[in-house]
Amino acid sequence: DGCVMAHLLYAQGQEETCEARYLAGCDGARSTVRKTLDM
């Protein structure tokens, strides 16, 4: 529906869903974003 639903985990164990128009993977060579995209 024209957005990204990102599932976040905090150190204390809480979880959150963030709605974003766009997602930028700047998370390094072991990128979770790239792996999630199965690229």
PDB file of all heavy atoms in Angstrom:
ATOM      1  N   ASP A   1       0.811  -1.221   0.000  1.00  0.00           N
ATOM      2  CA  ASP A   1       0.000   0.000   0.000  1.00  0.00           C
ATOM      3  C   ASP A   1       0.843   1.270   0.000  1.00  0.00           C
ATOM      4  O   ASP A   1       0.572   2.228   0.744  1.00  0.00           O
ATOM      5  CB  ASP A   1      -0.957   0.012   1.205  1.00  0.00           C
ATOM      6  CG  ASP A   1      -1.902  -1.180   1.201  1.00  0.00           C
ATOM      7  OD1 ASP A   1      -2.324  -1.581   0.100  1.00  0.00           O
ATOM      8  OD2 ASP A   1      -2.183  -1.711   2.298  1.00  0.00           O
ATOM      9  N   GLY A   2       1.887   1.270  -0.798  1.00  0.00           N
ATOM     10  CA  GLY A   2       2.687   2.480  -0.955  1.00  0.00           C
ATOM     11  C   GLY A   2       3.560   2.842   0.218  1.00  0.00           C
ATOM     12  O   GLY A   2       3.951   4.008   0.378  1.00  0.00           O
ATOM     13  N   CYS A   3       3.911   1.870   1.049  1.00  0.00           N
ATOM     14  CA  CYS A   3       4.805   2.155   2.174  1.00  0.00           C
ATOM     15  C   CYS A   3       5.571   0.892   2.564  1.00  0.00           C
ATOM     16  O   CYS A   3       5.286  -0.202   2.088  1.00  0.00           O
ATOM     17  CB  CYS A   3       4.030   2.702   3.373  1.00  0.00           C
ATOM     18  SG  CYS A   3       2.918   1.497   4.115  1.00  0.00           S
ATOM     19  N   VAL A   4       6.534   1.082   3.444  1.00  0.00           N
ATOM     20  CA  VAL A   4       7.329  -0.018   3.986  1.00  0.00           C
ATOM     21  C   VAL A   4       6.955  -0.203   5.447  1.00  0.00           C
ATOM     22  O   VAL A   4       6.910   0.773   6.215  1.00  0.00           O
ATOM     23  CB  VAL A   4       8.839   0.282   3.866  1.00  0.00           C
ATOM     24  CG1 VAL A   4       9.656  -0.801   4.564  1.00  0.00           C
ATOM     25  CG2 VAL A   4       9.255   0.399   2.404  1.00  0.00           C
ATOM     26  N   MET A   5       6.660  -1.432   5.829  1.00  0.00           N
ATOM     27  CA  MET A   5       6.392  -1.750   7.227  1.00  0.00           C
ATOM     28  C   MET A   5       7.628  -2.443   7.782  1.00  0.00           C
ATOM     29  O   MET A   5       7.930  -3.584   7.415  1.00  0.00           O
ATOM     30  CB  MET A   5       5.166  -2.644   7.354  1.00  0.00           C
ATOM     31  CG  MET A   5       3.913  -2.085   6.669  1.00  0.00           C
ATOM     32  SD  MET A   5       3.386  -0.498   7.341  1.00  0.00           S
ATOM     33  CE  MET A   5       2.810  -1.026   8.949  1.00  0.00           C
ATOM     34  N   ALA A   6       8.370  -1.744   8.638  1.00  0.00           N
ATOM     35  CA  ALA A   6       9.630  -2.250   9.174  1.00  0.00           C
ATOM     36  C   ALA A   6       9.432  -2.746  10.604  1.00  0.00           C
ATOM     37  O   ALA A   6       8.849  -2.052  11.440  1.00  0.00           O
ATOM     38  CB  ALA A   6      10.683  -1.158   9.143  1.00  0.00           C
ATOM     39  N   HIS A   7       9.938  -3.925  10.871  1.00  0.00           N
ATOM     40  CA  HIS A   7       9.797  -4.538  12.193  1.00  0.00           C
ATOM     41  C   HIS A   7      11.102  -4.328  12.970  1.00  0.00           C
ATOM     42  O   HIS A   7      12.159  -4.834  12.590  1.00  0.00           O
ATOM     43  CB  HIS A   7       9.476  -6.017  12.048  1.00  0.00           C
ATOM     44  CG  HIS A   7       8.311  -6.264  11.127  1.00  0.00           C
ATOM     45  ND1 HIS A   7       7.010  -5.925  11.448  1.00  0.00           N
ATOM     46  CD2 HIS A   7       8.254  -6.782   9.876  1.00  0.00           C
ATOM     47  CE1 HIS A   7       6.208  -6.233  10.456  1.00  0.00           C
ATOM     48  NE2 HIS A   7       6.933  -6.759   9.483  1.00  0.00           N
ATOM     49  N   LEU A   8      11.020  -3.592  14.069  1.00  0.00           N
ATOM     50  CA  LEU A   8      12.186  -3.196  14.848  1.00  0.00           C
ATOM     51  C   LEU A   8      12.212  -3.901  16.191  1.00  0.00           C
ATOM     52  O   LEU A   8      11.172  -4.154  16.798  1.00  0.00           O
ATOM     53  CB  LEU A   8      12.188  -1.678  15.065  1.00  0.00           C
ATOM     54  CG  LEU A   8      11.987  -0.794  13.829  1.00  0.00           C
ATOM     55  CD1 LEU A   8      12.051   0.680  14.215  1.00  0.00           C
ATOM     56  CD2 LEU A   8      13.004  -1.126  12.743  1.00  0.00           C
ATOM     57  N   LEU A   9      13.426  -4.182  16.656  1.00  0.00           N
ATOM     58  CA  LEU A   9      13.630  -4.815  17.962  1.00  0.00           C
ATOM     59  C   LEU A   9      14.592  -3.980  18.778  1.00  0.00           C
ATOM     60  O   LEU A   9      15.685  -3.642  18.315  1.00  0.00           O
ATOM     61  CB  LEU A   9      14.192  -6.233  17.784  1.00  0.00           C
ATOM     62  CG  LEU A   9      14.559  -6.984  19.075  1.00  0.00           C
ATOM     63  CD1 LEU A   9      13.306  -7.281  19.889  1.00  0.00           C
ATOM     64  CD2 LEU A   9      15.312  -8.276  18.742  1.00  0.00           C
ATOM     65  N   TYR A  10      14.188  -3.653  20.013  1.00  0.00           N
ATOM     66  CA  TYR A  10      15.032  -2.878  20.913  1.00  0.00           C
ATOM     67  C   TYR A  10      15.819  -3.804  21.838  1.00  0.00           C
ATOM     68  O   TYR A  10      15.454  -4.962  22.029  1.00  0.00           O
ATOM     69  CB  TYR A  10      14.187  -1.894  21.726  1.00  0.00           C
ATOM     70  CG  TYR A  10      13.521  -0.841  20.894  1.00  0.00           C
ATOM     71  CD1 TYR A  10      12.221  -1.033  20.424  1.00  0.00           C
ATOM     72  CD2 TYR A  10      14.181   0.331  20.549  1.00  0.00           C
ATOM     73  CE1 TYR A  10      11.595  -0.061  19.644  1.00  0.00           C
ATOM     74  CE2 TYR A  10      13.565   1.303  19.777  1.00  0.00           C
ATOM     75  CZ  TYR A  10      12.273   1.100  19.322  1.00  0.00           C
ATOM     76  OH  TYR A  10      11.670   2.055  18.551  1.00  0.00           O
ATOM     77  N   ALA A  11      16.858  -3.254  22.452  1.00  0.00           N
ATOM     78  CA  ALA A  11      17.746  -4.057  23.303  1.00  0.00           C
ATOM     79  C   ALA A  11      16.996  -4.696  24.462  1.00  0.00           C
ATOM     80  O   ALA A  11      17.316  -5.805  24.894  1.00  0.00           O
ATOM     81  CB  ALA A  11      18.885  -3.189  23.829  1.00  0.00           C
ATOM     82  N   GLN A  12      15.993  -4.008  24.984  1.00  0.00           N
ATOM     83  CA  GLN A  12      15.250  -4.520  26.125  1.00  0.00           C
ATOM     84  C   GLN A  12      14.223  -5.576  25.720  1.00  0.00           C
ATOM     85  O   GLN A  12      13.524  -6.130  26.562  1.00  0.00           O
ATOM     86  CB  GLN A  12      14.528  -3.377  26.849  1.00  0.00           C
ATOM     87  CG  GLN A  12      15.461  -2.361  27.498  1.00  0.00           C
ATOM     88  CD  GLN A  12      16.042  -1.377  26.481  1.00  0.00           C
ATOM     89  OE1 GLN A  12      15.589  -1.318  25.343  1.00  0.00           O
ATOM     90  NE2 GLN A  12      17.046  -0.619  26.885  1.00  0.00           N
ATOM     91  N   GLY A  13      14.124  -5.848  24.430  1.00  0.00           N
ATOM     92  CA  GLY A  13      13.206  -6.870  23.950  1.00  0.00           C
ATOM     93  C   GLY A  13      11.901  -6.351  23.389  1.00  0.00           C
ATOM     94  O   GLY A  13      11.106  -7.119  22.833  1.00  0.00           O
ATOM     95  N   GLN A  14      11.651  -5.042  23.505  1.00  0.00           N
ATOM     96  CA  GLN A  14      10.420  -4.495  22.932  1.00  0.00           C
ATOM     97  C   GLN A  14      10.489  -4.543  21.408  1.00  0.00           C
ATOM     98  O   GLN A  14      11.550  -4.422  20.808  1.00  0.00           O
ATOM     99  CB  GLN A  14      10.194  -3.038  23.372  1.00  0.00           C
ATOM    100  CG  GLN A  14      10.216  -2.825  24.872  1.00  0.00           C
ATOM    101  CD  GLN A  14      11.528  -2.224  25.302  1.00  0.00           C
ATOM    102  OE1 GLN A  14      12.581  -2.717  24.933  1.00  0.00           O
ATOM    103  NE2 GLN A  14      11.451  -1.162  26.078  1.00  0.00           N
ATOM    104  N   GLU A  15       9.314  -4.676  20.807  1.00  0.00           N
ATOM    105  CA  GLU A  15       9.218  -4.671  19.356  1.00  0.00           C
ATOM    106  C   GLU A  15       8.342  -3.519  18.900  1.00  0.00           C
ATOM    107  O   GLU A  15       7.481  -3.039  19.643  1.00  0.00           O
ATOM    108  CB  GLU A  15       8.648  -6.006  18.854  1.00  0.00           C
ATOM    109  CG  GLU A  15       9.556  -7.195  19.148  1.00  0.00           C
ATOM    110  CD  GLU A  15       9.051  -8.483  18.525  1.00  0.00           C
ATOM    111  OE1 GLU A  15       8.092  -8.421  17.725  1.00  0.00           O
ATOM    112  OE2 GLU A  15       9.604  -9.556  18.841  1.00  0.00           O
ATOM    113  N   GLU A  16       8.589  -3.083  17.691  1.00  0.00           N
ATOM    114  CA  GLU A  16       7.837  -1.956  17.148  1.00  0.00           C
ATOM    115  C   GLU A  16       7.700  -2.139  15.651  1.00  0.00           C
ATOM    116  O   GLU A  16       8.579  -2.714  14.997  1.00  0.00           O
ATOM    117  CB  GLU A  16       8.561  -0.632  17.439  1.00  0.00           C
ATOM    118  CG  GLU A  16       7.876   0.588  16.826  1.00  0.00           C
ATOM    119  CD  GLU A  16       8.800   1.790  16.692  1.00  0.00           C
ATOM    120  OE1 GLU A  16       9.817   1.838  17.421  1.00  0.00           O
ATOM    121  OE2 GLU A  16       8.518   2.643  15.849  1.00  0.00           O
ATOM    122  N   THR A  17       6.620  -1.630  15.077  1.00  0.00           N
ATOM    123  CA  THR A  17       6.467  -1.563  13.640  1.00  0.00           C
ATOM    124  C   THR A  17       6.495  -0.104  13.222  1.00  0.00           C
ATOM    125  O   THR A  17       5.745   0.719  13.764  1.00  0.00           O
ATOM    126  CB  THR A  17       5.140  -2.203  13.181  1.00  0.00           C
ATOM    127  OG1 THR A  17       5.137  -3.578  13.564  1.00  0.00           O
ATOM    128  CG2 THR A  17       5.002  -2.121  11.669  1.00  0.00           C
ATOM    129  N   CYS A  18       7.387   0.216  12.306  1.00  0.00           N
ATOM    130  CA  CYS A  18       7.525   1.582  11.808  1.00  0.00           C
ATOM    131  C   CYS A  18       7.038   1.628  10.357  1.00  0.00           C
ATOM    132  O   CYS A  18       7.442   0.795   9.538  1.00  0.00           O
ATOM    133  CB  CYS A  18       8.979   2.042  11.897  1.00  0.00           C
ATOM    134  SG  CYS A  18       9.304   3.644  11.108  1.00  0.00           S
ATOM    135  N   GLU A  19       6.189   2.581  10.069  1.00  0.00           N
ATOM    136  CA  GLU A  19       5.718   2.772   8.697  1.00  0.00           C
ATOM    137  C   GLU A  19       6.515   3.900   8.050  1.00  0.00           C
ATOM    138  O   GLU A  19       6.587   5.012   8.571  1.00  0.00           O
ATOM    139  CB  GLU A  19       4.233   3.130   8.689  1.00  0.00           C
ATOM    140  CG  GLU A  19       3.669   3.360   7.287  1.00  0.00           C
ATOM    141  CD  GLU A  19       2.218   3.778   7.317  1.00  0.00           C
ATOM    142  OE1 GLU A  19       1.423   3.121   8.037  1.00  0.00           O
ATOM    143  OE2 GLU A  19       1.880   4.764   6.629  1.00  0.00           O
ATOM    144  N   ALA A  20       7.130   3.605   6.915  1.00  0.00           N
ATOM    145  CA  ALA A  20       7.955   4.596   6.218  1.00  0.00           C
ATOM    146  C   ALA A  20       7.603   4.595   4.739  1.00  0.00           C
ATOM    147  O   ALA A  20       7.227   3.562   4.171  1.00  0.00           O
ATOM    148  CB  ALA A  20       9.438   4.285   6.407  1.00  0.00           C
ATOM    149  N   ARG A  21       7.754   5.766   4.130  1.00  0.00           N
ATOM    150  CA  ARG A  21       7.531   5.819   2.684  1.00  0.00           C
ATOM    151  C   ARG A  21       8.651   5.086   1.947  1.00  0.00           C
ATOM    152  O   ARG A  21       8.411   4.419   0.941  1.00  0.00           O
ATOM    153  CB  ARG A  21       7.476   7.283   2.239  1.00  0.00           C
ATOM    154  CG  ARG A  21       6.304   8.075   2.807  1.00  0.00           C
ATOM    155  CD  ARG A  21       5.031   7.822   2.031  1.00  0.00           C
ATOM    156  NE  ARG A  21       5.162   8.163   0.622  1.00  0.00           N
ATOM    157  CZ  ARG A  21       5.076   9.402   0.131  1.00  0.00           C
ATOM    158  NH1 ARG A  21       4.872  10.432   0.958  1.00  0.00           N
ATOM    159  NH2 ARG A  21       5.173   9.629  -1.157  1.00  0.00           N
ATOM    160  N   TYR A  22       9.882   5.236   2.447  1.00  0.00           N
ATOM    161  CA  TYR A  22      11.035   4.587   1.828  1.00  0.00           C
ATOM    162  C   TYR A  22      11.993   4.090   2.898  1.00  0.00           C
ATOM    163  O   TYR A  22      12.027   4.617   4.019  1.00  0.00           O
ATOM    164  CB  TYR A  22      11.773   5.553   0.876  1.00  0.00           C
ATOM    165  CG  TYR A  22      10.941   5.966  -0.321  1.00  0.00           C
ATOM    166  CD1 TYR A  22      10.250   7.175  -0.319  1.00  0.00           C
ATOM    167  CD2 TYR A  22      10.850   5.140  -1.439  1.00  0.00           C
ATOM    168  CE1 TYR A  22       9.470   7.552  -1.407  1.00  0.00           C
ATOM    169  CE2 TYR A  22      10.083   5.510  -2.537  1.00  0.00           C
ATOM    170  CZ  TYR A  22       9.393   6.709  -2.511  1.00  0.00           C
ATOM    171  OH  TYR A  22       8.623   7.061  -3.591  1.00  0.00           O
ATOM    172  N   LEU A  23      12.779   3.087   2.537  1.00  0.00           N
ATOM    173  CA  LEU A  23      13.751   2.482   3.445  1.00  0.00           C
ATOM    174  C   LEU A  23      15.134   2.546   2.801  1.00  0.00           C
ATOM    175  O   LEU A  23      15.299   2.162   1.635  1.00  0.00           O
ATOM    176  CB  LEU A  23      13.378   1.024   3.717  1.00  0.00           C
ATOM    177  CG  LEU A  23      14.349   0.172   4.545  1.00  0.00           C
ATOM    178  CD1 LEU A  23      14.381   0.673   5.986  1.00  0.00           C
ATOM    179  CD2 LEU A  23      13.950  -1.293   4.502  1.00  0.00           C
ATOM    180  N   ALA A  24      16.114   3.016   3.557  1.00  0.00           N
ATOM    181  CA  ALA A  24      17.494   3.120   3.057  1.00  0.00           C
ATOM    182  C   ALA A  24      18.396   2.188   3.849  1.00  0.00           C
ATOM    183  O   ALA A  24      18.572   2.368   5.057  1.00  0.00           O
ATOM    184  CB  ALA A  24      17.987   4.563   3.161  1.00  0.00           C
ATOM    185  N   GLY A  25      18.964   1.199   3.180  1.00  0.00           N
ATOM    186  CA  GLY A  25      19.877   0.263   3.827  1.00  0.00           C
ATOM    187  C   GLY A  25      21.307   0.770   3.767  1.00  0.00           C
ATOM    188  O   GLY A  25      21.978   0.658   2.745  1.00  0.00           O
ATOM    189  N   CYS A  26      21.758   1.334   4.862  1.00  0.00           N
ATOM    190  CA  CYS A  26      23.138   1.828   4.991  1.00  0.00           C
ATOM    191  C   CYS A  26      23.847   0.995   6.055  1.00  0.00           C
ATOM    192  O   CYS A  26      24.677   1.500   6.817  1.00  0.00           O
ATOM    193  CB  CYS A  26      23.139   3.305   5.396  1.00  0.00           C
ATOM    194  SG  CYS A  26      22.148   4.371   4.333  1.00  0.00           S
ATOM    195  N   ASP A  27      23.486  -0.290   6.114  1.00  0.00           N
ATOM    196  CA  ASP A  27      23.858  -1.140   7.246  1.00  0.00           C
ATOM    197  C   ASP A  27      25.015  -2.088   6.952  1.00  0.00           C
ATOM    198  O   ASP A  27      25.107  -3.171   7.531  1.00  0.00           O
ATOM    199  CB  ASP A  27      22.648  -1.909   7.760  1.00  0.00           C
ATOM    200  CG  ASP A  27      21.843  -2.603   6.670  1.00  0.00           C
ATOM    201  OD1 ASP A  27      22.013  -2.266   5.490  1.00  0.00           O
ATOM    202  OD2 ASP A  27      21.033  -3.489   6.998  1.00  0.00           O
ATOM    203  N   GLY A  28      25.920  -1.686   6.075  1.00  0.00           N
ATOM    204  CA  GLY A  28      27.193  -2.374   5.947  1.00  0.00           C
ATOM    205  C   GLY A  28      27.175  -3.643   5.117  1.00  0.00           C
ATOM    206  O   GLY A  28      26.159  -4.053   4.556  1.00  0.00           O
ATOM    207  N   ALA A  29      28.349  -4.277   5.062  1.00  0.00           N
ATOM    208  CA  ALA A  29      28.545  -5.436   4.193  1.00  0.00           C
ATOM    209  C   ALA A  29      27.648  -6.611   4.550  1.00  0.00           C
ATOM    210  O   ALA A  29      27.329  -7.437   3.687  1.00  0.00           O
ATOM    211  CB  ALA A  29      30.013  -5.863   4.230  1.00  0.00           C
ATOM    212  N   ARG A  30      27.250  -6.717   5.808  1.00  0.00           N
ATOM    213  CA  ARG A  30      26.353  -7.806   6.229  1.00  0.00           C
ATOM    214  C   ARG A  30      24.906  -7.314   6.300  1.00  0.00           C
ATOM    215  O   ARG A  30      24.119  -7.775   7.112  1.00  0.00           O
ATOM    216  CB  ARG A  30      26.798  -8.360   7.586  1.00  0.00           C
ATOM    217  CG  ARG A  30      28.178  -9.013   7.562  1.00  0.00           C
ATOM    218  CD  ARG A  30      28.537  -9.573   8.933  1.00  0.00           C
ATOM    219  NE  ARG A  30      29.798 -10.282   8.925  1.00  0.00           N
ATOM    220  CZ  ARG A  30      30.982  -9.721   9.105  1.00  0.00           C
ATOM    221  NH1 ARG A  30      31.048  -8.399   9.287  1.00  0.00           N
ATOM    222  NH2 ARG A  30      32.085 -10.433   9.085  1.00  0.00           N
ATOM    223  N   SER A  31      24.542  -6.422   5.429  1.00  0.00           N
ATOM    224  CA  SER A  31      23.275  -5.710   5.429  1.00  0.00           C
ATOM    225  C   SER A  31      22.040  -6.591   5.618  1.00  0.00           C
ATOM    226  O   SER A  31      21.784  -7.512   4.832  1.00  0.00           O
ATOM    227  CB  SER A  31      23.136  -4.933   4.114  1.00  0.00           C
ATOM    228  OG  SER A  31      21.854  -4.410   3.957  1.00  0.00           O
ATOM    229  N   THR A  32      21.263  -6.282   6.642  1.00  0.00           N
ATOM    230  CA  THR A  32      19.976  -6.948   6.844  1.00  0.00           C
ATOM    231  C   THR A  32      18.996  -6.561   5.744  1.00  0.00           C
ATOM    232  O   THR A  32      18.189  -7.376   5.297  1.00  0.00           O
ATOM    233  CB  THR A  32      19.389  -6.574   8.219  1.00  0.00           C
ATOM    234  OG1 THR A  32      20.278  -7.026   9.241  1.00  0.00           O
ATOM    235  CG2 THR A  32      18.017  -7.199   8.430  1.00  0.00           C
ATOM    236  N   VAL A  33      19.070  -5.306   5.307  1.00  0.00           N
ATOM    237  CA  VAL A  33      18.178  -4.853   4.241  1.00  0.00           C
ATOM    238  C   VAL A  33      18.422  -5.660   2.975  1.00  0.00           C
ATOM    239  O   VAL A  33      17.479  -6.162   2.336  1.00  0.00           O
ATOM    240  CB  VAL A  33      18.362  -3.354   3.970  1.00  0.00           C
ATOM    241  CG1 VAL A  33      17.515  -2.914   2.767  1.00  0.00           C
ATOM    242  CG2 VAL A  33      17.998  -2.528   5.202  1.00  0.00           C
ATOM    243  N   ARG A  34      19.688  -5.824   2.610  1.00  0.00           N
ATOM    244  CA  ARG A  34      20.017  -6.588   1.386  1.00  0.00           C
ATOM    245  C   ARG A  34      19.590  -8.043   1.535  1.00  0.00           C
ATOM    246  O   ARG A  34      19.047  -8.643   0.592  1.00  0.00           O
ATOM    247  CB  ARG A  34      21.508  -6.494   1.098  1.00  0.00           C
ATOM    248  CG  ARG A  34      21.900  -7.023  -0.283  1.00  0.00           C
ATOM    249  CD  ARG A  34      23.400  -7.066  -0.499  1.00  0.00           C
ATOM    250  NE  ARG A  34      24.059  -7.977   0.422  1.00  0.00           N
ATOM    251  CZ  ARG A  34      24.904  -7.587   1.376  1.00  0.00           C
ATOM    252  NH1 ARG A  34      25.209  -6.315   1.534  1.00  0.00           N
ATOM    253  NH2 ARG A  34      25.447  -8.489   2.183  1.00  0.00           N
ATOM    254  N   LYS A  35      19.806  -8.628   2.682  1.00  0.00           N
ATOM    255  CA  LYS A  35      19.440 -10.032   2.897  1.00  0.00           C
ATOM    256  C   LYS A  35      17.925 -10.214   2.891  1.00  0.00           C
ATOM    257  O   LYS A  35      17.412 -11.208   2.378  1.00  0.00           O
ATOM    258  CB  LYS A  35      20.045 -10.530   4.212  1.00  0.00           C
ATOM    259  CG  LYS A  35      21.571 -10.646   4.167  1.00  0.00           C
ATOM    260  CD  LYS A  35      22.148 -11.012   5.526  1.00  0.00           C
ATOM    261  CE  LYS A  35      23.666 -11.082   5.473  1.00  0.00           C
ATOM    262  NZ  LYS A  35      24.269 -11.355   6.820  1.00  0.00           N
ATOM    263  N   THR A  36      17.204  -9.252   3.440  1.00  0.00           N
ATOM    264  CA  THR A  36      15.741  -9.337   3.432  1.00  0.00           C
ATOM    265  C   THR A  36      15.213  -9.275   2.001  1.00  0.00           C
ATOM    266  O   THR A  36      14.223  -9.934   1.657  1.00  0.00           O
ATOM    267  CB  THR A  36      15.137  -8.203   4.272  1.00  0.00           C
ATOM    268  OG1 THR A  36      15.638  -8.289   5.607  1.00  0.00           O
ATOM    269  CG2 THR A  36      13.616  -8.281   4.298  1.00  0.00           C
ATOM    270  N   LEU A  37      15.881  -8.495   1.175  1.00  0.00           N
ATOM    271  CA  LEU A  37      15.498  -8.400  -0.235  1.00  0.00           C
ATOM    272  C   LEU A  37      15.944  -9.623  -1.037  1.00  0.00           C
ATOM    273  O   LEU A  37      15.600  -9.747  -2.210  1.00  0.00           O
ATOM    274  CB  LEU A  37      16.115  -7.141  -0.859  1.00  0.00           C
ATOM    275  CG  LEU A  37      15.602  -5.801  -0.335  1.00  0.00           C
ATOM    276  CD1 LEU A  37      16.454  -4.663  -0.874  1.00  0.00           C
ATOM    277  CD2 LEU A  37      14.137  -5.589  -0.705  1.00  0.00           C
ATOM    278  N   ASP A  38      16.706 -10.515  -0.381  1.00  0.00           N
ATOM    279  CA  ASP A  38      17.231 -11.717  -1.031  1.00  0.00           C
ATOM    280  C   ASP A  38      18.002 -11.366  -2.295  1.00  0.00           C
ATOM    281  O   ASP A  38      17.842 -11.981  -3.354  1.00  0.00           O
ATOM    282  CB  ASP A  38      16.090 -12.689  -1.359  1.00  0.00           C
ATOM    283  CG  ASP A  38      16.614 -14.092  -1.707  1.00  0.00           C
ATOM    284  OD1 ASP A  38      17.729 -14.427  -1.260  1.00  0.00           O
ATOM    285  OD2 ASP A  38      15.913 -14.818  -2.428  1.00  0.00           O
ATOM    286  N   MET A  39      18.859 -10.362  -2.159  1.00  0.00           N
ATOM    287  CA  MET A  39      19.603  -9.833  -3.299  1.00  0.00           C
ATOM    288  C   MET A  39      21.021 -10.405  -3.326  1.00  0.00           C
ATOM    289  O   MET A  39      21.707 -10.437  -2.296  1.00  0.00           O
ATOM    290  CB  MET A  39      19.660  -8.308  -3.209  1.00  0.00           C
ATOM    291  CG  MET A  39      20.153  -7.618  -4.467  1.00  0.00           C
ATOM    292  SD  MET A  39      20.095  -5.831  -4.255  1.00  0.00           S
ATOM    293  CE  MET A  39      18.316  -5.563  -4.124  1.00  0.00           C
TER     294      MET A  39
END
